[in-house]
Every structure is written in C-alpha cells, then in structure tokens.
Protein backbone atom coordinates (compact mmCIF):
# COMPACT_ATOMS: atom_id res chain seq x y z
CA MET A 1 -55.28 -145.96 55.92
CA LEU A 2 -57.64 -145.20 52.83
CA ILE A 3 -59.42 -142.31 54.56
CA GLU A 4 -56.26 -140.71 55.66
CA PHE A 5 -54.94 -140.63 52.19
CA ALA A 6 -57.97 -139.35 50.67
CA LEU A 7 -57.49 -136.31 53.42
CA ILE A 8 -53.89 -135.74 52.44
CA LEU A 9 -53.87 -135.94 48.70
CA PRO A 10 -55.73 -132.45 48.11
CA LEU A 11 -52.92 -130.93 50.20
CA LEU A 12 -50.13 -133.11 48.54
CA LEU A 13 -51.84 -132.15 45.04
CA LEU A 14 -51.94 -128.43 45.81
CA LEU A 15 -48.20 -128.70 47.40
CA VAL A 16 -47.01 -130.22 44.11
CA LEU A 17 -48.73 -127.43 41.84
CA ALA A 18 -47.26 -124.84 43.69
CA ILE A 19 -44.16 -126.04 43.78
CA ILE A 20 -44.40 -126.25 39.49
CA ASP A 21 -45.68 -122.97 39.25
CA PHE A 22 -43.08 -121.23 41.51
CA GLY A 23 -40.32 -123.16 39.90
CA TYR A 24 -41.55 -121.97 36.50
CA LEU A 25 -42.13 -118.38 37.51
CA ILE A 26 -38.36 -118.18 39.03
CA GLN A 27 -37.14 -119.67 35.77
CA THR A 28 -39.13 -117.09 33.69
CA ARG A 29 -37.76 -114.23 35.90
CA LEU A 30 -34.35 -115.69 35.39
CA ILE A 31 -34.44 -115.84 31.81
CA ILE A 32 -35.74 -112.08 31.37
CA THR A 33 -33.22 -110.80 33.62
CA ASN A 34 -30.22 -112.43 31.94
CA VAL A 35 -31.62 -111.24 28.33
CA SER A 36 -31.89 -107.98 29.44
CA ARG A 37 -28.58 -108.01 31.13
CA GLU A 38 -26.74 -109.68 28.24
CA GLY A 39 -28.36 -107.96 25.88
CA GLY A 40 -27.60 -104.50 27.49
CA SER A 41 -23.65 -105.61 27.34
CA ILE A 42 -23.66 -106.59 23.95
CA ALA A 43 -25.43 -103.35 22.63
CA SER A 44 -23.51 -100.93 24.62
CA ARG A 45 -20.49 -102.38 22.73
CA ASP A 46 -21.74 -101.41 19.27
CA LEU A 47 -21.94 -97.98 17.46
CA THR A 48 -25.07 -98.40 15.92
CA LEU A 49 -28.37 -100.43 17.12
CA ASP A 50 -28.64 -103.37 14.75
CA PRO A 51 -32.44 -104.68 14.47
CA ASN A 52 -30.88 -108.26 14.52
CA LEU A 53 -29.58 -107.85 17.93
CA VAL A 54 -33.06 -107.65 19.03
CA ASP A 55 -33.88 -111.14 17.13
CA LEU A 56 -30.58 -112.34 18.83
CA LEU A 57 -32.19 -111.39 22.38
CA ALA A 58 -35.58 -112.98 21.24
CA ILE A 59 -33.93 -116.34 20.16
CA SER A 60 -31.65 -116.26 23.44
CA GLY A 61 -34.65 -116.18 25.68
CA ARG A 62 -36.18 -119.33 24.67
CA PRO A 63 -38.22 -121.31 25.70
CA LEU A 64 -40.07 -117.91 26.03
CA ASN A 65 -41.21 -116.52 23.29
CA LEU A 66 -40.22 -112.78 23.51
CA ALA A 67 -40.57 -111.71 20.16
CA GLY A 68 -44.40 -112.55 20.02
CA GLY A 69 -47.82 -111.52 21.67
CA ASP A 70 -46.24 -112.72 25.07
CA GLY A 71 -42.98 -110.63 24.83
CA GLN A 72 -41.65 -107.46 23.85
CA ILE A 73 -37.76 -106.16 24.04
CA PHE A 74 -36.75 -102.59 23.73
CA ILE A 75 -33.17 -101.27 23.12
CA THR A 76 -32.56 -97.61 23.53
CA ARG A 77 -29.70 -95.34 23.05
CA ILE A 78 -29.49 -92.14 24.89
CA VAL A 79 -26.53 -89.89 23.92
CA ALA A 80 -25.22 -87.10 26.18
CA GLY A 81 -25.85 -83.50 25.58
CA GLN A 82 -23.13 -81.94 23.18
CA SER A 83 -23.24 -78.26 23.93
CA ASP A 84 -24.53 -75.25 25.41
CA GLN A 85 -26.96 -74.92 23.04
CA SER A 86 -28.18 -78.47 23.09
CA PRO A 87 -27.33 -79.52 26.88
CA ALA A 88 -29.97 -82.29 27.35
CA PRO A 89 -29.20 -86.03 26.73
CA THR A 90 -31.41 -87.34 23.49
CA ILE A 91 -32.65 -90.60 22.39
CA THR A 92 -30.88 -91.11 18.86
CA GLU A 93 -31.96 -94.89 18.19
CA GLN A 94 -34.81 -97.33 19.49
CA VAL A 95 -35.37 -100.72 18.29
CA SER A 96 -37.98 -103.00 19.70
CA ARG A 97 -39.54 -106.51 18.90
CA GLY A 98 -42.66 -108.09 20.14
CA SER A 99 -46.22 -107.42 20.10
CA LEU A 100 -47.27 -107.51 24.10
CA GLY A 101 -48.43 -103.99 24.06
CA VAL A 102 -46.32 -102.76 26.61
CA GLY A 103 -44.56 -99.15 26.22
CA THR A 104 -41.00 -98.66 26.81
CA ARG A 105 -40.13 -96.60 30.12
CA TYR A 106 -37.45 -94.33 27.88
CA ASP A 107 -39.28 -91.92 25.94
CA ALA A 108 -38.45 -88.58 24.27
CA GLY A 109 -41.97 -87.59 26.05
CA ALA A 110 -41.19 -88.78 29.42
CA SER A 111 -39.60 -86.55 32.17
CA GLY A 112 -35.92 -86.80 32.31
CA LEU A 113 -36.47 -89.48 28.90
CA GLY A 114 -37.21 -91.86 31.67
CA LEU A 115 -33.92 -92.18 33.32
CA SER A 116 -33.43 -91.38 37.07
CA GLY A 117 -32.40 -87.94 37.92
CA THR A 118 -28.61 -88.71 38.46
CA LEU A 119 -28.11 -90.82 35.33
CA TYR A 120 -30.17 -87.85 33.57
CA ASP A 121 -27.67 -85.18 35.13
CA ARG A 122 -24.71 -87.41 34.31
CA LEU A 123 -25.66 -87.23 30.77
CA THR A 124 -26.31 -83.43 30.81
CA PHE A 125 -23.69 -81.14 28.90
CA ARG A 126 -22.11 -78.94 31.91
CA THR A 127 -20.42 -75.54 30.58
CA SER A 128 -17.89 -75.76 33.74
CA ASN A 129 -16.11 -78.32 32.28
CA GLY A 130 -17.27 -78.52 28.58
CA THR A 131 -18.68 -82.02 28.35
CA ALA A 132 -20.87 -84.41 29.79
CA ASP A 133 -19.93 -87.00 32.49
CA ILE A 134 -21.34 -90.04 30.76
CA LYS A 135 -20.95 -90.23 26.97
CA GLU A 136 -24.03 -92.40 26.30
CA VAL A 137 -26.03 -94.99 27.86
CA THR A 138 -27.66 -98.25 26.50
CA THR A 139 -30.98 -99.50 28.07
CA VAL A 140 -32.65 -102.97 27.45
CA GLU A 141 -36.16 -103.67 28.32
CA VAL A 142 -37.49 -106.99 28.63
CA TYR A 143 -41.28 -107.91 29.11
CA TYR A 144 -42.97 -111.20 29.23
CA LYS A 145 -46.56 -112.01 30.05
CA TYR A 146 -46.31 -114.99 32.57
CA ARG A 147 -48.95 -117.50 32.46
CA PRO A 148 -49.22 -119.96 35.03
CA ILE A 149 -48.75 -123.81 34.03
CA THR A 150 -50.99 -125.28 36.24
CA PRO A 151 -54.54 -124.58 37.15
CA LEU A 152 -53.70 -123.30 40.69
CA ALA A 153 -54.39 -119.73 39.83
CA ASN A 154 -57.95 -120.56 39.04
CA PHE A 155 -58.08 -121.32 42.84
CA ILE A 156 -56.38 -118.39 44.36
CA PRO A 157 -58.45 -115.00 43.71
CA GLY A 158 -56.03 -112.25 42.90
CA MET A 159 -52.96 -114.13 42.06
CA LEU A 160 -53.17 -112.31 38.30
CA ARG A 161 -52.98 -109.19 37.91
CA ASP A 162 -53.57 -107.51 34.69
CA ASP A 163 -56.39 -109.10 32.64
CA GLY A 164 -56.91 -112.34 34.45
CA ASP A 165 -54.72 -114.03 31.95
CA GLY A 166 -51.36 -113.67 33.43
CA MET A 167 -49.15 -111.28 34.89
CA ILE A 168 -46.31 -109.08 33.17
CA ILE A 169 -42.70 -109.50 34.29
CA GLY A 170 -40.05 -107.47 33.40
CA SER A 171 -36.48 -106.39 33.47
CA ARG A 172 -34.21 -103.53 32.57
CA ALA A 173 -30.48 -103.12 32.26
CA ILE A 174 -28.68 -99.68 31.68
CA PHE A 175 -25.02 -99.92 30.20
C-alpha cells in the first residue's frame, strides 16, 4: 500500500497543481474581460474621459493589480469624420494607467486607427447622407501579466510566453 501511494502521489500532486493554476488563469481572464466590458459601457456614457475612471477600473479588477507593473488599461475615444474636408475618424481622447509596457491597439499611426475595416467605414463621413453612420466609439483595453501561482510552469517547457516570467492576457471592448 505504501509503494502504491508513493507511485500515485506525484501524479496527484501534479493534478492538484494543474487544477489550481488553471482555476487562477480562468479567474484572471474573467476579471480582465469584465473590467474591459464594464469600463467600455461606463466610458461610452460620458462626454469626456475622466482619468478617475481608469483608476476606478483598476480598483474594480482587484485582486489583480491593473494599475501597477503587471497591468495596463487604455481608454480611447474615437469620433467620426465631420465633413468632406475631414472625412476620416480621429482619436480625440486617450487615457491610460499601469506600467506593463504594452502598447494600445488604437493609435493615430495605426492603419485605420487600429479599428476593423467595417467599423472604420462606419465612422467615416459620407457625402451621400451628410454624416457618418456612427457618431463615436469608446474602446477599453485591459492587459495583465499572468504569473502562475504554482511551480508547475517550471516543469513544462514553453508554457510561458513572453520573457519566461509570465504571459500577457488582454481583453478589448468597443462601445
């Protein structure tokens, strides 16, 4: 009986560690997704982007530290083209918190401001109807560096991307 237990113990321990880490990864992913969705919903209702909103989103992501070195939050407001002379959508406001070092997808230098082609077209001013299809959009991006809480990742090569110290999990919401 003792020999059987000694043979099964490493497998049971491996299974328990995998369950713990997988559960933590799912919890982290759910928190990131909820913060981006709720942040997008709240930010899209305001006329201007309040920097305090980013702090509120970072706090709502607890127990994750989204405003510190392991997190990054971006809120971007993009308005539609206004006339024939200025038909392209533009980024009017952008606020961020955190120091993870991840860049935003929505940038003035990016092709189509980082938006999908369909959404960019909907924000472009049309002379045929004298307006754009959509007045503005607000995007929220949340990134977090996930670090496993068990030593299991040390035994599985290639489990962690990035710098071997963790993997970056992100979520975006557009309202």
